[in-house]
Amino acid sequence: MSAMTMEELSKELSKIDFCMFNTSDNGRINCRPMSNNGDVEYDGDSWFFSYENTRKVSEIGLEPQVALTFTAPPSLLGKPGIFIAVDGEASLIRDKAQFEEHWVKDLDRWFPDGIDTPGIVLIKVSASTIEYWDGEDNGRIDVHAADAVARGVL
């Protein structure tokens, strides 16, 4: 069994558009589908646009610990798809420069005035751990340790 690298994980995530975005509210878990908008140069951070006045944004304000779950279907050759679970911390970004950095044209469907849409917010989820299963292999990546190794600190 070989461990998947962040680069390999990024390649897998590039094939998956939607995840289930999980927040909590007084001990209750709330889930909703969210698109990663093709922003998958994955380094442990996931990016999502939303409106400020949503339940998920108010829940993040109270409890920033969130979970993301991604699933890819089986391949045409019968190999099982991959399941990826991300545990991390969400932060709310209201900086238009960062909006521009993560904006893709398809978002105009939901945000008609682009980055100038009133009430828009960018949600950044910084992963702490990532677990994956693909039917043949499974593993866990401690993102902070992987980052330290990449920087030559560990």
N, C-alpha and C. Protein backbone atom coordinates (compact mmCIF):
# COMPACT_ATOMS: atom_id res chain seq x y z
N MET A 1 0.84 -1.16 0.00
CA MET A 1 0.00 0.00 0.00
C MET A 1 0.90 1.24 0.00
N SER A 2 0.70 2.11 -0.98
CA SER A 2 1.50 3.33 -1.04
C SER A 2 0.64 4.53 -0.66
N ALA A 3 1.27 5.50 -0.03
CA ALA A 3 0.55 6.69 0.40
C ALA A 3 0.39 7.65 -0.77
N MET A 4 -0.78 8.23 -0.87
CA MET A 4 -1.06 9.22 -1.90
C MET A 4 -0.41 10.54 -1.50
N THR A 5 0.15 11.25 -2.48
CA THR A 5 0.75 12.55 -2.23
C THR A 5 -0.29 13.64 -2.46
N MET A 6 0.03 14.86 -2.02
CA MET A 6 -0.88 15.98 -2.26
C MET A 6 -1.05 16.22 -3.76
N GLU A 7 0.00 16.01 -4.53
CA GLU A 7 -0.08 16.19 -5.99
C GLU A 7 -1.05 15.17 -6.60
N GLU A 8 -0.98 13.92 -6.15
CA GLU A 8 -1.90 12.90 -6.65
C GLU A 8 -3.33 13.20 -6.22
N LEU A 9 -3.47 13.66 -4.99
CA LEU A 9 -4.79 14.03 -4.48
C LEU A 9 -5.38 15.18 -5.30
N SER A 10 -4.56 16.16 -5.65
CA SER A 10 -5.00 17.29 -6.47
C SER A 10 -5.51 16.80 -7.82
N LYS A 11 -4.81 15.84 -8.40
CA LYS A 11 -5.23 15.29 -9.69
C LYS A 11 -6.60 14.62 -9.57
N GLU A 12 -6.81 13.89 -8.48
CA GLU A 12 -8.11 13.24 -8.26
C GLU A 12 -9.22 14.29 -8.05
N LEU A 13 -8.93 15.33 -7.27
CA LEU A 13 -9.92 16.36 -7.01
C LEU A 13 -10.28 17.15 -8.27
N SER A 14 -9.35 17.24 -9.23
CA SER A 14 -9.63 17.98 -10.46
C SER A 14 -10.75 17.33 -11.26
N LYS A 15 -11.06 16.08 -10.97
CA LYS A 15 -12.12 15.36 -11.68
C LYS A 15 -13.48 15.49 -10.98
N ILE A 16 -13.52 16.13 -9.81
CA ILE A 16 -14.74 16.19 -9.00
C ILE A 16 -15.16 17.65 -8.85
N ASP A 17 -16.37 17.97 -9.30
CA ASP A 17 -16.83 19.36 -9.23
C ASP A 17 -17.50 19.70 -7.91
N PHE A 18 -18.32 18.80 -7.40
CA PHE A 18 -19.11 19.10 -6.20
C PHE A 18 -18.66 18.28 -5.00
N CYS A 19 -18.85 18.87 -3.84
CA CYS A 19 -18.62 18.16 -2.59
C CYS A 19 -19.82 18.42 -1.69
N MET A 20 -19.89 17.69 -0.60
CA MET A 20 -20.83 18.02 0.46
C MET A 20 -20.06 18.84 1.48
N PHE A 21 -20.56 20.03 1.77
CA PHE A 21 -19.94 20.98 2.68
C PHE A 21 -20.70 20.89 3.99
N ASN A 22 -20.02 20.48 5.05
CA ASN A 22 -20.66 20.18 6.33
C ASN A 22 -20.25 21.19 7.40
N THR A 23 -21.25 21.81 8.01
CA THR A 23 -21.03 22.75 9.11
C THR A 23 -21.79 22.22 10.32
N SER A 24 -21.60 22.88 11.45
CA SER A 24 -22.36 22.47 12.63
C SER A 24 -23.06 23.67 13.25
N ASP A 25 -24.17 23.35 13.91
CA ASP A 25 -24.99 24.36 14.56
C ASP A 25 -25.53 23.76 15.85
N ASN A 26 -24.94 24.15 16.98
CA ASN A 26 -25.37 23.61 18.28
C ASN A 26 -25.37 22.09 18.30
N GLY A 27 -24.30 21.48 17.76
CA GLY A 27 -24.18 20.03 17.78
C GLY A 27 -24.87 19.33 16.63
N ARG A 28 -25.63 20.05 15.83
CA ARG A 28 -26.32 19.46 14.68
C ARG A 28 -25.47 19.67 13.43
N ILE A 29 -25.28 18.61 12.65
CA ILE A 29 -24.50 18.69 11.42
C ILE A 29 -25.43 19.08 10.27
N ASN A 30 -25.01 20.09 9.51
CA ASN A 30 -25.77 20.54 8.34
C ASN A 30 -24.92 20.37 7.10
N CYS A 31 -25.49 19.77 6.06
CA CYS A 31 -24.76 19.45 4.83
C CYS A 31 -25.45 20.11 3.64
N ARG A 32 -24.63 20.56 2.69
CA ARG A 32 -25.17 21.06 1.44
C ARG A 32 -24.13 20.88 0.35
N PRO A 33 -24.59 20.69 -0.90
CA PRO A 33 -23.63 20.56 -2.00
C PRO A 33 -23.04 21.92 -2.35
N MET A 34 -21.75 21.92 -2.62
CA MET A 34 -21.05 23.14 -3.04
C MET A 34 -20.07 22.77 -4.14
N SER A 35 -19.89 23.67 -5.11
CA SER A 35 -18.94 23.44 -6.19
C SER A 35 -17.58 24.05 -5.84
N ASN A 36 -16.52 23.33 -6.20
CA ASN A 36 -15.17 23.87 -6.01
C ASN A 36 -14.77 24.77 -7.17
N ASN A 37 -15.66 24.92 -8.15
CA ASN A 37 -15.47 25.83 -9.29
C ASN A 37 -14.20 25.54 -10.10
N GLY A 38 -13.75 24.30 -10.04
CA GLY A 38 -12.55 23.93 -10.78
C GLY A 38 -11.27 24.47 -10.16
N ASP A 39 -11.36 25.02 -8.95
CA ASP A 39 -10.21 25.60 -8.25
C ASP A 39 -9.51 24.47 -7.49
N VAL A 40 -8.74 23.65 -8.22
CA VAL A 40 -8.22 22.42 -7.63
C VAL A 40 -6.70 22.27 -7.72
N GLU A 41 -5.98 23.35 -7.80
CA GLU A 41 -4.53 23.28 -7.65
C GLU A 41 -4.32 23.04 -6.17
N TYR A 42 -4.60 21.84 -5.74
CA TYR A 42 -4.84 21.57 -4.33
C TYR A 42 -3.58 21.56 -3.48
N ASP A 43 -3.56 22.42 -2.49
CA ASP A 43 -2.49 22.49 -1.52
C ASP A 43 -3.04 22.33 -0.10
N GLY A 44 -4.30 21.91 -0.03
CA GLY A 44 -4.97 21.78 1.26
C GLY A 44 -6.04 22.84 1.47
N ASP A 45 -6.10 23.83 0.58
CA ASP A 45 -7.13 24.86 0.67
C ASP A 45 -8.20 24.65 -0.39
N SER A 46 -9.45 24.77 0.01
CA SER A 46 -10.58 24.71 -0.91
C SER A 46 -11.28 26.05 -0.86
N TRP A 47 -11.86 26.46 -1.99
CA TRP A 47 -12.45 27.80 -2.13
C TRP A 47 -13.87 27.69 -2.65
N PHE A 48 -14.79 28.42 -2.01
CA PHE A 48 -16.20 28.39 -2.38
C PHE A 48 -16.78 29.80 -2.29
N PHE A 49 -17.59 30.17 -3.27
CA PHE A 49 -18.30 31.44 -3.20
C PHE A 49 -19.70 31.20 -2.66
N SER A 50 -20.20 32.17 -1.92
CA SER A 50 -21.53 32.09 -1.33
C SER A 50 -22.07 33.50 -1.14
N TYR A 51 -23.30 33.55 -0.70
CA TYR A 51 -23.87 34.82 -0.25
C TYR A 51 -23.69 34.93 1.26
N GLU A 52 -23.47 36.14 1.71
CA GLU A 52 -23.25 36.44 3.12
C GLU A 52 -24.41 36.00 4.01
N ASN A 53 -25.63 36.17 3.53
CA ASN A 53 -26.81 35.94 4.37
C ASN A 53 -27.33 34.50 4.33
N THR A 54 -26.42 33.53 4.26
CA THR A 54 -26.83 32.12 4.26
C THR A 54 -26.57 31.50 5.63
N ARG A 55 -27.26 30.41 5.87
CA ARG A 55 -27.08 29.71 7.14
C ARG A 55 -25.65 29.20 7.30
N LYS A 56 -25.06 28.70 6.22
CA LYS A 56 -23.70 28.16 6.33
C LYS A 56 -22.71 29.24 6.75
N VAL A 57 -22.87 30.46 6.23
CA VAL A 57 -21.95 31.54 6.59
C VAL A 57 -22.12 31.91 8.06
N SER A 58 -23.35 31.95 8.55
CA SER A 58 -23.54 32.26 9.98
C SER A 58 -23.02 31.12 10.85
N GLU A 59 -23.16 29.89 10.40
CA GLU A 59 -22.63 28.75 11.17
C GLU A 59 -21.10 28.78 11.21
N ILE A 60 -20.47 29.13 10.09
CA ILE A 60 -19.00 29.25 10.06
C ILE A 60 -18.55 30.33 11.03
N GLY A 61 -19.31 31.43 11.10
CA GLY A 61 -18.97 32.50 12.02
C GLY A 61 -18.97 32.06 13.47
N LEU A 62 -19.83 31.09 13.79
CA LEU A 62 -19.91 30.58 15.16
C LEU A 62 -18.97 29.41 15.41
N GLU A 63 -18.80 28.56 14.41
CA GLU A 63 -17.96 27.36 14.55
C GLU A 63 -17.25 27.12 13.22
N PRO A 64 -15.98 27.51 13.12
CA PRO A 64 -15.28 27.41 11.84
C PRO A 64 -14.83 26.01 11.44
N GLN A 65 -14.91 25.02 12.35
CA GLN A 65 -14.54 23.64 11.98
C GLN A 65 -15.59 23.09 11.02
N VAL A 66 -15.14 22.64 9.84
CA VAL A 66 -16.04 22.11 8.83
C VAL A 66 -15.46 20.82 8.27
N ALA A 67 -16.29 20.12 7.52
CA ALA A 67 -15.84 18.91 6.82
C ALA A 67 -16.35 18.97 5.39
N LEU A 68 -15.54 18.49 4.47
CA LEU A 68 -15.91 18.39 3.06
C LEU A 68 -15.80 16.93 2.65
N THR A 69 -16.77 16.45 1.88
CA THR A 69 -16.68 15.09 1.38
C THR A 69 -16.85 15.11 -0.14
N PHE A 70 -15.89 14.50 -0.83
CA PHE A 70 -15.87 14.43 -2.28
C PHE A 70 -16.00 12.97 -2.70
N THR A 71 -16.70 12.72 -3.80
CA THR A 71 -16.84 11.36 -4.32
C THR A 71 -16.74 11.39 -5.84
N ALA A 72 -15.90 10.51 -6.39
CA ALA A 72 -15.81 10.36 -7.84
C ALA A 72 -16.39 9.01 -8.22
N PRO A 73 -17.12 8.94 -9.32
CA PRO A 73 -17.72 7.67 -9.73
C PRO A 73 -16.66 6.66 -10.18
N PRO A 74 -17.04 5.38 -10.27
CA PRO A 74 -16.11 4.36 -10.76
C PRO A 74 -15.67 4.67 -12.18
N SER A 75 -14.50 4.16 -12.55
CA SER A 75 -14.00 4.35 -13.91
C SER A 75 -14.75 3.42 -14.86
N LEU A 76 -14.61 3.68 -16.15
CA LEU A 76 -15.25 2.83 -17.16
C LEU A 76 -14.66 1.43 -17.15
N LEU A 77 -13.46 1.29 -16.60
CA LEU A 77 -12.81 -0.02 -16.55
C LEU A 77 -13.17 -0.79 -15.28
N GLY A 78 -14.06 -0.22 -14.46
CA GLY A 78 -14.53 -0.91 -13.27
C GLY A 78 -13.78 -0.60 -11.99
N LYS A 79 -12.72 0.21 -12.08
CA LYS A 79 -12.01 0.58 -10.85
C LYS A 79 -12.93 1.46 -10.01
N PRO A 80 -13.02 1.19 -8.72
CA PRO A 80 -13.90 2.00 -7.87
C PRO A 80 -13.50 3.48 -7.92
N GLY A 81 -14.46 4.33 -7.67
CA GLY A 81 -14.16 5.76 -7.58
C GLY A 81 -13.43 6.05 -6.30
N ILE A 82 -13.10 7.31 -6.10
CA ILE A 82 -12.40 7.68 -4.89
C ILE A 82 -13.33 8.47 -3.97
N PHE A 83 -13.14 8.28 -2.69
CA PHE A 83 -13.86 9.03 -1.67
C PHE A 83 -12.81 9.83 -0.90
N ILE A 84 -13.07 11.12 -0.73
CA ILE A 84 -12.11 12.00 -0.05
C ILE A 84 -12.85 12.77 1.03
N ALA A 85 -12.34 12.73 2.26
CA ALA A 85 -12.94 13.46 3.38
C ALA A 85 -11.90 14.45 3.90
N VAL A 86 -12.30 15.72 3.96
CA VAL A 86 -11.42 16.79 4.41
C VAL A 86 -11.96 17.36 5.71
N ASP A 87 -11.12 17.42 6.72
CA ASP A 87 -11.47 18.07 7.98
C ASP A 87 -10.64 19.35 8.03
N GLY A 88 -11.30 20.49 8.26
CA GLY A 88 -10.54 21.73 8.24
C GLY A 88 -11.25 22.88 8.91
N GLU A 89 -10.65 24.05 8.73
CA GLU A 89 -11.19 25.27 9.34
C GLU A 89 -11.55 26.24 8.23
N ALA A 90 -12.78 26.77 8.31
CA ALA A 90 -13.26 27.72 7.31
C ALA A 90 -13.01 29.15 7.78
N SER A 91 -12.70 30.00 6.82
CA SER A 91 -12.61 31.43 7.09
C SER A 91 -13.38 32.16 6.01
N LEU A 92 -13.91 33.31 6.36
CA LEU A 92 -14.73 34.11 5.46
C LEU A 92 -13.90 35.27 4.93
N ILE A 93 -13.86 35.40 3.61
CA ILE A 93 -13.04 36.42 2.97
C ILE A 93 -13.95 37.37 2.21
N ARG A 94 -13.71 38.66 2.42
CA ARG A 94 -14.53 39.69 1.78
C ARG A 94 -13.68 40.63 0.92
N ASP A 95 -12.52 40.19 0.54
CA ASP A 95 -11.55 40.97 -0.22
C ASP A 95 -11.73 40.72 -1.72
N LYS A 96 -12.07 41.78 -2.48
CA LYS A 96 -12.33 41.62 -3.92
C LYS A 96 -11.11 41.14 -4.69
N ALA A 97 -9.92 41.46 -4.23
CA ALA A 97 -8.71 40.97 -4.90
C ALA A 97 -8.66 39.44 -4.84
N GLN A 98 -9.05 38.88 -3.70
CA GLN A 98 -9.09 37.41 -3.58
C GLN A 98 -10.26 36.85 -4.37
N PHE A 99 -11.38 37.59 -4.45
CA PHE A 99 -12.49 37.15 -5.30
C PHE A 99 -11.98 36.96 -6.72
N GLU A 100 -11.27 37.97 -7.24
CA GLU A 100 -10.76 37.92 -8.61
C GLU A 100 -9.83 36.72 -8.82
N GLU A 101 -9.01 36.44 -7.83
CA GLU A 101 -8.05 35.34 -7.93
C GLU A 101 -8.74 33.98 -8.09
N HIS A 102 -9.93 33.84 -7.52
CA HIS A 102 -10.62 32.54 -7.53
C HIS A 102 -11.88 32.53 -8.40
N TRP A 103 -12.14 33.62 -9.11
CA TRP A 103 -13.35 33.73 -9.92
C TRP A 103 -13.22 32.95 -11.22
N VAL A 104 -14.31 32.29 -11.61
CA VAL A 104 -14.40 31.65 -12.93
C VAL A 104 -15.72 32.11 -13.56
N LYS A 105 -15.74 32.19 -14.86
CA LYS A 105 -16.88 32.73 -15.62
C LYS A 105 -18.19 32.04 -15.27
N ASP A 106 -18.17 30.73 -15.02
CA ASP A 106 -19.40 29.99 -14.71
C ASP A 106 -20.11 30.51 -13.46
N LEU A 107 -19.41 31.22 -12.60
CA LEU A 107 -20.02 31.75 -11.37
C LEU A 107 -21.02 32.87 -11.66
N ASP A 108 -20.95 33.47 -12.86
CA ASP A 108 -21.88 34.54 -13.22
C ASP A 108 -23.33 34.07 -13.15
N ARG A 109 -23.53 32.77 -13.28
CA ARG A 109 -24.90 32.22 -13.20
C ARG A 109 -25.53 32.50 -11.84
N TRP A 110 -24.74 32.42 -10.77
CA TRP A 110 -25.26 32.60 -9.42
C TRP A 110 -24.98 34.01 -8.86
N PHE A 111 -23.97 34.65 -9.42
CA PHE A 111 -23.58 35.98 -8.94
C PHE A 111 -23.55 36.91 -10.15
N PRO A 112 -24.72 37.47 -10.53
CA PRO A 112 -24.86 38.18 -11.80
C PRO A 112 -23.99 39.41 -11.98
N ASP A 113 -23.55 40.04 -10.90
CA ASP A 113 -22.68 41.20 -11.00
C ASP A 113 -21.22 40.84 -10.75
N GLY A 114 -20.89 39.56 -10.92
CA GLY A 114 -19.51 39.11 -10.73
C GLY A 114 -19.03 39.39 -9.32
N ILE A 115 -17.79 39.81 -9.20
CA ILE A 115 -17.22 40.05 -7.86
C ILE A 115 -17.84 41.27 -7.19
N ASP A 116 -18.63 42.04 -7.94
CA ASP A 116 -19.32 43.20 -7.37
C ASP A 116 -20.74 42.87 -6.92
N THR A 117 -21.11 41.62 -6.98
CA THR A 117 -22.44 41.20 -6.53
C THR A 117 -22.60 41.54 -5.06
N PRO A 118 -23.65 42.28 -4.69
CA PRO A 118 -23.85 42.61 -3.28
C PRO A 118 -24.00 41.34 -2.43
N GLY A 119 -23.34 41.32 -1.27
CA GLY A 119 -23.47 40.22 -0.33
C GLY A 119 -22.65 38.99 -0.63
N ILE A 120 -21.73 39.08 -1.59
CA ILE A 120 -20.91 37.91 -1.93
C ILE A 120 -19.78 37.75 -0.89
N VAL A 121 -19.44 36.50 -0.64
CA VAL A 121 -18.35 36.18 0.28
C VAL A 121 -17.62 34.95 -0.26
N LEU A 122 -16.33 34.88 -0.01
CA LEU A 122 -15.51 33.73 -0.40
C LEU A 122 -15.20 32.94 0.86
N ILE A 123 -15.44 31.64 0.79
CA ILE A 123 -15.16 30.76 1.92
C ILE A 123 -13.89 29.97 1.59
N LYS A 124 -12.92 30.09 2.46
CA LYS A 124 -11.67 29.32 2.33
C LYS A 124 -11.69 28.23 3.39
N VAL A 125 -11.51 26.99 2.97
CA VAL A 125 -11.40 25.88 3.92
C VAL A 125 -9.96 25.39 3.88
N SER A 126 -9.27 25.55 5.00
CA SER A 126 -7.89 25.09 5.13
C SER A 126 -7.91 23.72 5.81
N ALA A 127 -7.51 22.72 5.06
CA ALA A 127 -7.55 21.34 5.56
C ALA A 127 -6.52 21.13 6.67
N SER A 128 -6.91 20.34 7.66
CA SER A 128 -5.94 19.88 8.65
C SER A 128 -5.61 18.42 8.39
N THR A 129 -6.63 17.62 8.08
CA THR A 129 -6.40 16.22 7.69
C THR A 129 -7.28 15.87 6.49
N ILE A 130 -6.78 14.94 5.71
CA ILE A 130 -7.51 14.45 4.54
C ILE A 130 -7.42 12.93 4.58
N GLU A 131 -8.57 12.28 4.47
CA GLU A 131 -8.60 10.82 4.37
C GLU A 131 -9.16 10.45 3.01
N TYR A 132 -8.66 9.37 2.44
CA TYR A 132 -9.14 8.93 1.13
C TYR A 132 -9.24 7.41 1.07
N TRP A 133 -10.15 6.96 0.22
CA TRP A 133 -10.38 5.54 -0.03
C TRP A 133 -10.67 5.41 -1.51
N ASP A 134 -10.04 4.47 -2.18
CA ASP A 134 -10.33 4.28 -3.61
C ASP A 134 -10.61 2.82 -3.97
N GLY A 135 -10.95 2.01 -3.00
CA GLY A 135 -11.26 0.61 -3.27
C GLY A 135 -10.03 -0.28 -3.26
N GLU A 136 -8.87 0.29 -3.49
CA GLU A 136 -7.63 -0.46 -3.47
C GLU A 136 -6.68 0.07 -2.40
N ASP A 137 -6.80 1.33 -2.12
CA ASP A 137 -5.86 1.99 -1.22
C ASP A 137 -6.64 2.96 -0.34
N ASN A 138 -6.11 3.21 0.82
CA ASN A 138 -6.69 4.24 1.68
C ASN A 138 -5.55 4.85 2.47
N GLY A 139 -5.80 6.04 2.96
CA GLY A 139 -4.76 6.70 3.73
C GLY A 139 -5.23 8.00 4.33
N ARG A 140 -4.33 8.60 5.05
CA ARG A 140 -4.61 9.85 5.74
C ARG A 140 -3.41 10.76 5.57
N ILE A 141 -3.69 12.01 5.24
CA ILE A 141 -2.63 13.01 5.09
C ILE A 141 -2.84 14.06 6.17
N ASP A 142 -1.80 14.28 6.97
CA ASP A 142 -1.81 15.39 7.91
C ASP A 142 -1.24 16.56 7.13
N VAL A 143 -2.09 17.50 6.75
CA VAL A 143 -1.70 18.56 5.83
C VAL A 143 -0.58 19.42 6.40
N HIS A 144 -0.60 19.71 7.68
CA HIS A 144 0.44 20.54 8.27
C HIS A 144 1.79 19.84 8.22
N ALA A 145 1.82 18.53 8.46
CA ALA A 145 3.07 17.77 8.38
C ALA A 145 3.54 17.68 6.93
N ALA A 146 2.61 17.46 5.99
CA ALA A 146 2.98 17.39 4.57
C ALA A 146 3.56 18.71 4.11
N ASP A 147 2.99 19.81 4.57
CA ASP A 147 3.50 21.14 4.22
C ASP A 147 4.90 21.34 4.78
N ALA A 148 5.12 20.92 6.01
CA ALA A 148 6.43 21.06 6.63
C ALA A 148 7.49 20.25 5.89
N VAL A 149 7.14 19.05 5.47
CA VAL A 149 8.06 18.21 4.70
C VAL A 149 8.39 18.90 3.37
N ALA A 150 7.37 19.45 2.69
CA ALA A 150 7.59 20.12 1.41
C ALA A 150 8.52 21.33 1.56
N ARG A 151 8.45 22.01 2.69
CA ARG A 151 9.30 23.17 2.94
C ARG A 151 10.67 22.76 3.49
N GLY A 152 10.87 21.46 3.74
CA GLY A 152 12.14 20.99 4.26
C GLY A 152 12.31 21.18 5.76
N VAL A 153 11.21 21.45 6.46
CA VAL A 153 11.28 21.66 7.90
C VAL A 153 11.32 20.32 8.64
N LEU A 154 10.65 19.30 8.14
CA LEU A 154 10.66 17.97 8.77
C LEU A 154 11.49 17.01 7.96
